Amino acid sequence: MTTPHSLDHDLIQAAIQVAATRSRGDSHTVAAARDRDGRIITAMNAYHFTGGPCAELVVIGAAAAQGAYDLVTMVAVGDHGRGVIPPCGRCRQMMLDYFPGLHVIVGAGERLRAVPVAELLPESYRWADHQEDNGQEDDQQEHDDPPTP
């Protein structure tokens, strides 16, 4: 059981604001992440009928481009008032590998909560644990410095 993590309402509002003002045409999802220094980074998915990256993955790349390598909380919201959207499996796995201490905002209404990403993937595969060196030599560095997106 984990200790409750405070709900970052400003982060949710930042994502909602981008979704309300920047979405055009088809449905879009917007993610917002907060880094350890308090900075908020937002990004929108690249929707296309052939597929495309989810907003959570786009915000990881946008954060890296801005030098934010220590994300602590993330949320995704849908445009057209769809509210908070939980991350898909691929996003959960990437969040866990890049930011194992990340909290993800999930739920709806009064049930909104921030949970550790590891709780969203119980018994999960950890990419760093299965590298050729078996994570022995760089294990401490892997946990101190997440992989560069």
N, C-alpha and C. Protein backbone atom coordinates (compact mmCIF):
# COMPACT_ATOMS: atom_id res chain seq x y z
N MET A 1 0.84 -1.19 0.00
CA MET A 1 0.00 0.00 0.00
C MET A 1 0.87 1.24 0.00
N THR A 2 0.55 2.18 -0.81
CA THR A 2 1.36 3.39 -0.90
C THR A 2 0.72 4.52 -0.12
N THR A 3 1.55 5.49 0.19
CA THR A 3 1.07 6.69 0.85
C THR A 3 0.39 7.58 -0.18
N PRO A 4 -0.75 8.19 0.17
CA PRO A 4 -1.42 9.06 -0.80
C PRO A 4 -0.51 10.18 -1.27
N HIS A 5 -0.58 10.49 -2.54
CA HIS A 5 0.19 11.56 -3.15
C HIS A 5 -0.80 12.70 -3.40
N SER A 6 -0.42 13.90 -3.06
CA SER A 6 -1.36 15.02 -3.22
C SER A 6 -1.73 15.19 -4.69
N LEU A 7 -2.98 15.54 -4.91
CA LEU A 7 -3.50 15.72 -6.26
C LEU A 7 -3.09 17.10 -6.77
N ASP A 8 -2.47 17.12 -7.92
CA ASP A 8 -1.94 18.35 -8.52
C ASP A 8 -3.02 18.96 -9.42
N HIS A 9 -3.87 19.79 -8.85
CA HIS A 9 -4.98 20.41 -9.58
C HIS A 9 -4.48 21.38 -10.65
N ASP A 10 -3.36 22.07 -10.39
CA ASP A 10 -2.81 22.99 -11.39
C ASP A 10 -2.36 22.23 -12.63
N LEU A 11 -1.83 21.04 -12.46
CA LEU A 11 -1.39 20.22 -13.58
C LEU A 11 -2.59 19.80 -14.43
N ILE A 12 -3.66 19.38 -13.77
CA ILE A 12 -4.87 18.99 -14.48
C ILE A 12 -5.42 20.19 -15.26
N GLN A 13 -5.47 21.35 -14.63
CA GLN A 13 -6.00 22.55 -15.30
C GLN A 13 -5.13 22.96 -16.48
N ALA A 14 -3.82 22.79 -16.38
CA ALA A 14 -2.94 23.12 -17.50
C ALA A 14 -3.28 22.26 -18.71
N ALA A 15 -3.51 20.96 -18.48
CA ALA A 15 -3.86 20.06 -19.59
C ALA A 15 -5.23 20.41 -20.16
N ILE A 16 -6.19 20.68 -19.30
CA ILE A 16 -7.54 21.04 -19.75
C ILE A 16 -7.50 22.32 -20.59
N GLN A 17 -6.70 23.29 -20.17
CA GLN A 17 -6.60 24.56 -20.90
C GLN A 17 -6.03 24.35 -22.30
N VAL A 18 -5.00 23.53 -22.42
CA VAL A 18 -4.43 23.27 -23.75
C VAL A 18 -5.45 22.52 -24.61
N ALA A 19 -6.13 21.55 -24.03
CA ALA A 19 -7.14 20.79 -24.79
C ALA A 19 -8.25 21.71 -25.28
N ALA A 20 -8.66 22.65 -24.45
CA ALA A 20 -9.77 23.54 -24.80
C ALA A 20 -9.37 24.57 -25.86
N THR A 21 -8.10 24.97 -25.87
CA THR A 21 -7.70 26.05 -26.77
C THR A 21 -6.93 25.61 -28.00
N ARG A 22 -6.39 24.41 -28.00
CA ARG A 22 -5.52 24.00 -29.11
C ARG A 22 -6.04 22.85 -29.95
N SER A 23 -7.03 22.12 -29.46
CA SER A 23 -7.55 20.97 -30.22
C SER A 23 -8.33 21.46 -31.43
N ARG A 24 -8.10 20.80 -32.54
CA ARG A 24 -8.80 21.13 -33.78
C ARG A 24 -9.23 19.85 -34.46
N GLY A 25 -10.45 19.80 -34.93
CA GLY A 25 -10.91 18.64 -35.69
C GLY A 25 -11.14 17.41 -34.84
N ASP A 26 -10.45 16.34 -35.20
CA ASP A 26 -10.65 15.06 -34.51
C ASP A 26 -10.27 15.14 -33.04
N SER A 27 -10.64 14.10 -32.32
CA SER A 27 -10.34 14.05 -30.88
C SER A 27 -8.85 14.07 -30.63
N HIS A 28 -8.47 14.85 -29.65
CA HIS A 28 -7.08 14.92 -29.22
C HIS A 28 -7.01 14.66 -27.72
N THR A 29 -5.86 14.22 -27.31
CA THR A 29 -5.57 14.06 -25.91
C THR A 29 -4.38 14.95 -25.60
N VAL A 30 -4.41 15.58 -24.43
CA VAL A 30 -3.33 16.45 -24.00
C VAL A 30 -2.77 15.88 -22.70
N ALA A 31 -1.45 15.86 -22.61
CA ALA A 31 -0.81 15.44 -21.37
C ALA A 31 -0.08 16.62 -20.77
N ALA A 32 -0.01 16.61 -19.47
CA ALA A 32 0.78 17.60 -18.75
C ALA A 32 1.61 16.86 -17.72
N ALA A 33 2.84 17.28 -17.56
CA ALA A 33 3.73 16.66 -16.59
C ALA A 33 4.41 17.76 -15.78
N ARG A 34 4.69 17.44 -14.54
CA ARG A 34 5.43 18.37 -13.68
C ARG A 34 6.78 17.75 -13.38
N ASP A 35 7.83 18.55 -13.52
CA ASP A 35 9.15 18.04 -13.17
C ASP A 35 9.47 18.37 -11.72
N ARG A 36 10.55 17.82 -11.23
CA ARG A 36 10.91 17.98 -9.82
C ARG A 36 11.10 19.45 -9.44
N ASP A 37 11.46 20.30 -10.41
CA ASP A 37 11.65 21.72 -10.12
C ASP A 37 10.35 22.52 -10.12
N GLY A 38 9.22 21.85 -10.41
CA GLY A 38 7.92 22.52 -10.39
C GLY A 38 7.42 22.97 -11.74
N ARG A 39 8.24 22.85 -12.76
CA ARG A 39 7.85 23.28 -14.11
C ARG A 39 6.79 22.36 -14.67
N ILE A 40 5.82 22.92 -15.40
CA ILE A 40 4.78 22.14 -16.08
C ILE A 40 5.08 22.13 -17.56
N ILE A 41 5.07 20.94 -18.14
CA ILE A 41 5.27 20.76 -19.58
C ILE A 41 3.98 20.17 -20.13
N THR A 42 3.47 20.72 -21.23
CA THR A 42 2.26 20.18 -21.85
C THR A 42 2.57 19.75 -23.27
N ALA A 43 1.79 18.79 -23.76
CA ALA A 43 1.94 18.33 -25.14
C ALA A 43 0.65 17.65 -25.57
N MET A 44 0.43 17.62 -26.87
CA MET A 44 -0.78 17.03 -27.43
C MET A 44 -0.40 15.84 -28.31
N ASN A 45 -1.27 14.85 -28.35
CA ASN A 45 -1.01 13.72 -29.24
C ASN A 45 -1.05 14.17 -30.69
N ALA A 46 -0.44 13.38 -31.54
CA ALA A 46 -0.45 13.65 -32.97
C ALA A 46 -1.47 12.70 -33.60
N TYR A 47 -2.73 13.06 -33.50
CA TYR A 47 -3.80 12.18 -33.99
C TYR A 47 -3.75 12.05 -35.50
N HIS A 48 -3.87 10.83 -35.97
CA HIS A 48 -3.95 10.54 -37.39
C HIS A 48 -4.61 9.18 -37.54
N PHE A 49 -5.37 8.99 -38.61
CA PHE A 49 -6.09 7.73 -38.77
C PHE A 49 -5.16 6.53 -38.87
N THR A 50 -3.89 6.75 -39.18
CA THR A 50 -2.93 5.64 -39.26
C THR A 50 -2.30 5.33 -37.91
N GLY A 51 -2.63 6.10 -36.91
CA GLY A 51 -2.04 5.93 -35.58
C GLY A 51 -1.19 7.13 -35.24
N GLY A 52 -0.50 7.04 -34.19
CA GLY A 52 0.36 8.14 -33.77
C GLY A 52 0.67 8.02 -32.30
N PRO A 53 1.61 8.81 -31.83
CA PRO A 53 1.99 8.73 -30.41
C PRO A 53 0.91 9.31 -29.51
N CYS A 54 0.75 8.69 -28.36
CA CYS A 54 -0.16 9.21 -27.34
C CYS A 54 0.43 10.49 -26.75
N ALA A 55 -0.42 11.28 -26.13
CA ALA A 55 0.02 12.55 -25.54
C ALA A 55 1.06 12.33 -24.45
N GLU A 56 0.95 11.23 -23.71
CA GLU A 56 1.92 10.97 -22.65
C GLU A 56 3.33 10.80 -23.23
N LEU A 57 3.42 10.13 -24.37
CA LEU A 57 4.74 9.95 -25.00
C LEU A 57 5.25 11.26 -25.59
N VAL A 58 4.35 12.05 -26.14
CA VAL A 58 4.76 13.34 -26.70
C VAL A 58 5.26 14.25 -25.58
N VAL A 59 4.61 14.22 -24.42
CA VAL A 59 5.06 15.10 -23.32
C VAL A 59 6.41 14.63 -22.78
N ILE A 60 6.71 13.35 -22.82
CA ILE A 60 8.04 12.88 -22.41
C ILE A 60 9.10 13.46 -23.34
N GLY A 61 8.84 13.44 -24.64
CA GLY A 61 9.78 14.02 -25.59
C GLY A 61 9.89 15.53 -25.45
N ALA A 62 8.76 16.20 -25.25
CA ALA A 62 8.77 17.65 -25.07
C ALA A 62 9.54 18.02 -23.80
N ALA A 63 9.36 17.25 -22.75
CA ALA A 63 10.09 17.51 -21.50
C ALA A 63 11.59 17.38 -21.73
N ALA A 64 12.00 16.32 -22.44
CA ALA A 64 13.43 16.13 -22.72
C ALA A 64 13.97 17.30 -23.54
N ALA A 65 13.19 17.77 -24.51
CA ALA A 65 13.63 18.89 -25.34
C ALA A 65 13.81 20.16 -24.52
N GLN A 66 13.09 20.25 -23.39
CA GLN A 66 13.19 21.42 -22.52
C GLN A 66 14.13 21.19 -21.34
N GLY A 67 14.81 20.04 -21.33
CA GLY A 67 15.76 19.75 -20.25
C GLY A 67 15.12 19.28 -18.97
N ALA A 68 13.88 18.83 -19.03
CA ALA A 68 13.18 18.32 -17.84
C ALA A 68 13.27 16.79 -17.85
N TYR A 69 14.21 16.26 -17.09
CA TYR A 69 14.46 14.82 -17.10
C TYR A 69 13.98 14.11 -15.84
N ASP A 70 13.35 14.83 -14.93
CA ASP A 70 12.91 14.22 -13.68
C ASP A 70 11.42 14.53 -13.47
N LEU A 71 10.57 13.87 -14.24
CA LEU A 71 9.13 14.10 -14.11
C LEU A 71 8.62 13.39 -12.86
N VAL A 72 7.73 14.07 -12.12
CA VAL A 72 7.21 13.51 -10.88
C VAL A 72 5.72 13.19 -10.95
N THR A 73 4.98 13.92 -11.78
CA THR A 73 3.54 13.68 -11.90
C THR A 73 3.12 13.91 -13.34
N MET A 74 2.15 13.10 -13.82
CA MET A 74 1.65 13.25 -15.18
C MET A 74 0.15 13.01 -15.18
N VAL A 75 -0.53 13.69 -16.12
CA VAL A 75 -1.96 13.50 -16.33
C VAL A 75 -2.24 13.65 -17.81
N ALA A 76 -3.25 12.94 -18.28
CA ALA A 76 -3.74 13.12 -19.65
C ALA A 76 -5.23 13.42 -19.57
N VAL A 77 -5.67 14.35 -20.42
CA VAL A 77 -7.09 14.69 -20.50
C VAL A 77 -7.51 14.68 -21.96
N GLY A 78 -8.78 14.44 -22.18
CA GLY A 78 -9.31 14.47 -23.53
C GLY A 78 -9.96 15.80 -23.83
N ASP A 79 -9.94 16.19 -25.09
CA ASP A 79 -10.62 17.42 -25.47
C ASP A 79 -12.13 17.20 -25.43
N HIS A 80 -12.87 18.21 -25.74
CA HIS A 80 -14.34 18.16 -25.74
C HIS A 80 -14.89 17.74 -24.38
N GLY A 81 -14.17 18.11 -23.30
CA GLY A 81 -14.64 17.84 -21.95
C GLY A 81 -14.62 16.39 -21.52
N ARG A 82 -13.80 15.56 -22.16
CA ARG A 82 -13.77 14.13 -21.82
C ARG A 82 -13.09 13.83 -20.50
N GLY A 83 -12.45 14.81 -19.89
CA GLY A 83 -11.85 14.63 -18.57
C GLY A 83 -10.55 13.83 -18.59
N VAL A 84 -10.15 13.39 -17.40
CA VAL A 84 -8.91 12.64 -17.23
C VAL A 84 -9.04 11.29 -17.91
N ILE A 85 -7.99 10.92 -18.64
CA ILE A 85 -7.96 9.65 -19.37
C ILE A 85 -6.79 8.83 -18.85
N PRO A 86 -7.02 7.57 -18.50
CA PRO A 86 -5.90 6.75 -18.02
C PRO A 86 -4.95 6.39 -19.15
N PRO A 87 -3.67 6.21 -18.85
CA PRO A 87 -2.71 5.88 -19.90
C PRO A 87 -2.92 4.45 -20.42
N CYS A 88 -2.61 4.27 -21.70
CA CYS A 88 -2.67 2.93 -22.29
C CYS A 88 -1.50 2.10 -21.77
N GLY A 89 -1.47 0.85 -22.13
CA GLY A 89 -0.41 -0.05 -21.67
C GLY A 89 0.98 0.37 -22.12
N ARG A 90 1.11 0.78 -23.38
CA ARG A 90 2.41 1.21 -23.89
C ARG A 90 2.91 2.41 -23.10
N CYS A 91 2.03 3.37 -22.85
CA CYS A 91 2.44 4.56 -22.10
C CYS A 91 2.82 4.21 -20.67
N ARG A 92 2.05 3.32 -20.05
CA ARG A 92 2.37 2.90 -18.68
C ARG A 92 3.76 2.29 -18.63
N GLN A 93 4.07 1.43 -19.61
CA GLN A 93 5.38 0.78 -19.63
C GLN A 93 6.50 1.80 -19.81
N MET A 94 6.32 2.73 -20.74
CA MET A 94 7.36 3.73 -20.96
C MET A 94 7.52 4.66 -19.76
N MET A 95 6.41 5.04 -19.13
CA MET A 95 6.51 5.87 -17.93
C MET A 95 7.28 5.15 -16.84
N LEU A 96 7.00 3.87 -16.66
CA LEU A 96 7.68 3.08 -15.64
C LEU A 96 9.17 2.98 -15.93
N ASP A 97 9.53 2.75 -17.19
CA ASP A 97 10.94 2.61 -17.55
C ASP A 97 11.70 3.93 -17.44
N TYR A 98 11.10 5.02 -17.88
CA TYR A 98 11.78 6.31 -17.85
C TYR A 98 11.71 6.99 -16.48
N PHE A 99 10.59 6.86 -15.79
CA PHE A 99 10.37 7.57 -14.53
C PHE A 99 9.72 6.64 -13.51
N PRO A 100 10.47 5.70 -12.94
CA PRO A 100 9.88 4.71 -12.03
C PRO A 100 9.21 5.30 -10.79
N GLY A 101 9.57 6.53 -10.42
CA GLY A 101 8.94 7.17 -9.26
C GLY A 101 7.77 8.08 -9.62
N LEU A 102 7.37 8.08 -10.88
CA LEU A 102 6.31 8.96 -11.37
C LEU A 102 4.96 8.62 -10.75
N HIS A 103 4.17 9.65 -10.46
CA HIS A 103 2.78 9.49 -10.07
C HIS A 103 1.91 9.89 -11.25
N VAL A 104 0.85 9.12 -11.48
CA VAL A 104 -0.04 9.35 -12.61
C VAL A 104 -1.43 9.65 -12.05
N ILE A 105 -2.04 10.71 -12.54
CA ILE A 105 -3.39 11.06 -12.10
C ILE A 105 -4.39 10.27 -12.92
N VAL A 106 -5.25 9.54 -12.23
CA VAL A 106 -6.27 8.70 -12.85
C VAL A 106 -7.59 8.91 -12.12
N GLY A 107 -8.65 8.36 -12.68
CA GLY A 107 -9.97 8.43 -12.05
C GLY A 107 -10.80 9.55 -12.65
N ALA A 108 -11.93 9.79 -12.02
CA ALA A 108 -12.85 10.83 -12.50
C ALA A 108 -13.57 11.45 -11.32
N GLY A 109 -13.92 12.70 -11.49
CA GLY A 109 -14.71 13.40 -10.46
C GLY A 109 -14.06 13.35 -9.09
N GLU A 110 -14.83 12.91 -8.12
CA GLU A 110 -14.34 12.81 -6.74
C GLU A 110 -13.35 11.67 -6.56
N ARG A 111 -13.24 10.79 -7.56
CA ARG A 111 -12.33 9.64 -7.47
C ARG A 111 -10.96 9.92 -8.08
N LEU A 112 -10.70 11.17 -8.50
CA LEU A 112 -9.38 11.50 -9.02
C LEU A 112 -8.33 11.24 -7.94
N ARG A 113 -7.22 10.65 -8.35
CA ARG A 113 -6.14 10.38 -7.42
C ARG A 113 -4.84 10.25 -8.19
N ALA A 114 -3.74 10.47 -7.50
CA ALA A 114 -2.40 10.30 -8.09
C ALA A 114 -1.82 9.02 -7.52
N VAL A 115 -1.49 8.10 -8.41
CA VAL A 115 -0.96 6.80 -7.98
C VAL A 115 0.42 6.56 -8.60
N PRO A 116 1.27 5.82 -7.91
CA PRO A 116 2.57 5.48 -8.50
C PRO A 116 2.37 4.68 -9.78
N VAL A 117 3.15 4.98 -10.81
CA VAL A 117 3.02 4.28 -12.08
C VAL A 117 3.20 2.77 -11.89
N ALA A 118 4.03 2.35 -10.95
CA ALA A 118 4.23 0.92 -10.71
C ALA A 118 2.94 0.22 -10.30
N GLU A 119 2.02 0.95 -9.65
CA GLU A 119 0.74 0.35 -9.28
C GLU A 119 -0.16 0.14 -10.49
N LEU A 120 0.11 0.87 -11.58
CA LEU A 120 -0.67 0.68 -12.79
C LEU A 120 -0.17 -0.51 -13.61
N LEU A 121 1.00 -1.04 -13.24
CA LEU A 121 1.58 -2.19 -13.93
C LEU A 121 2.11 -3.20 -12.90
N PRO A 122 1.23 -3.87 -12.18
CA PRO A 122 1.72 -4.84 -11.18
C PRO A 122 2.46 -5.99 -11.88
N GLU A 123 3.47 -6.50 -11.21
CA GLU A 123 4.29 -7.60 -11.76
C GLU A 123 4.85 -7.22 -13.12
N SER A 124 5.29 -6.01 -13.26
CA SER A 124 5.68 -5.48 -14.57
C SER A 124 7.09 -5.89 -14.98
N TYR A 125 7.29 -5.87 -16.26
CA TYR A 125 8.59 -6.04 -16.89
C TYR A 125 9.31 -4.71 -16.78
N ARG A 126 10.55 -4.73 -16.35
CA ARG A 126 11.36 -3.51 -16.29
C ARG A 126 12.48 -3.64 -17.31
N TRP A 127 12.47 -2.79 -18.32
CA TRP A 127 13.43 -2.84 -19.41
C TRP A 127 14.87 -2.85 -18.89
N ALA A 128 15.19 -1.98 -17.95
CA ALA A 128 16.56 -1.88 -17.43
C ALA A 128 17.01 -3.18 -16.77
N ASP A 129 16.08 -3.95 -16.23
CA ASP A 129 16.43 -5.20 -15.56
C ASP A 129 16.82 -6.30 -16.53
N HIS A 130 16.57 -6.12 -17.80
CA HIS A 130 16.79 -7.19 -18.78
C HIS A 130 17.80 -6.81 -19.86
N GLN A 131 18.67 -5.88 -19.55
CA GLN A 131 19.72 -5.50 -20.49
C GLN A 131 20.87 -6.49 -20.38
N GLU A 132 21.75 -6.50 -21.36
CA GLU A 132 22.83 -7.47 -21.45
C GLU A 132 23.68 -7.52 -20.19
N ASP A 133 23.97 -6.35 -19.59
CA ASP A 133 24.78 -6.35 -18.36
C ASP A 133 23.93 -6.68 -17.14
N ASN A 134 22.65 -7.00 -17.39
CA ASN A 134 21.70 -7.36 -16.33
C ASN A 134 21.51 -6.25 -15.31
N GLY A 135 21.87 -5.03 -15.71
CA GLY A 135 21.63 -3.88 -14.84
C GLY A 135 22.56 -3.79 -13.65
N GLN A 136 23.55 -4.71 -13.54
CA GLN A 136 24.43 -4.74 -12.37
C GLN A 136 25.27 -3.48 -12.24
N GLU A 137 26.04 -3.18 -13.30
CA GLU A 137 26.99 -2.09 -13.24
C GLU A 137 26.30 -0.73 -13.21
N ASP A 138 25.30 -0.57 -14.04
CA ASP A 138 24.64 0.73 -14.15
C ASP A 138 23.34 0.81 -13.36
N ASP A 139 23.09 -0.18 -12.49
CA ASP A 139 21.81 -0.21 -11.78
C ASP A 139 21.57 1.07 -11.00
N GLN A 140 22.56 1.55 -10.27
CA GLN A 140 22.37 2.77 -9.49
C GLN A 140 22.14 3.95 -10.40
N GLN A 141 22.90 4.03 -11.51
CA GLN A 141 22.73 5.14 -12.43
C GLN A 141 21.36 5.09 -13.09
N GLU A 142 20.85 3.89 -13.41
CA GLU A 142 19.53 3.76 -14.02
C GLU A 142 18.47 4.37 -13.12
N HIS A 143 18.63 4.21 -11.81
CA HIS A 143 17.62 4.73 -10.89
C HIS A 143 17.85 6.21 -10.59
N ASP A 144 19.09 6.66 -10.70
CA ASP A 144 19.38 8.07 -10.46
C ASP A 144 19.05 8.91 -11.68
N ASP A 145 19.42 8.42 -12.85
CA ASP A 145 19.23 9.16 -14.09
C ASP A 145 18.37 8.33 -15.03
N PRO A 146 17.10 8.70 -15.21
CA PRO A 146 16.25 7.93 -16.13
C PRO A 146 16.82 7.99 -17.54
N PRO A 147 16.51 6.97 -18.35
CA PRO A 147 17.02 6.99 -19.73
C PRO A 147 16.58 8.26 -20.44
N THR A 148 17.41 8.75 -21.30
CA THR A 148 17.09 9.94 -22.07
C THR A 148 16.05 9.59 -23.11
N PRO A 149 14.89 10.28 -23.12
CA PRO A 149 13.85 9.97 -24.10
C PRO A 149 14.31 10.24 -25.52
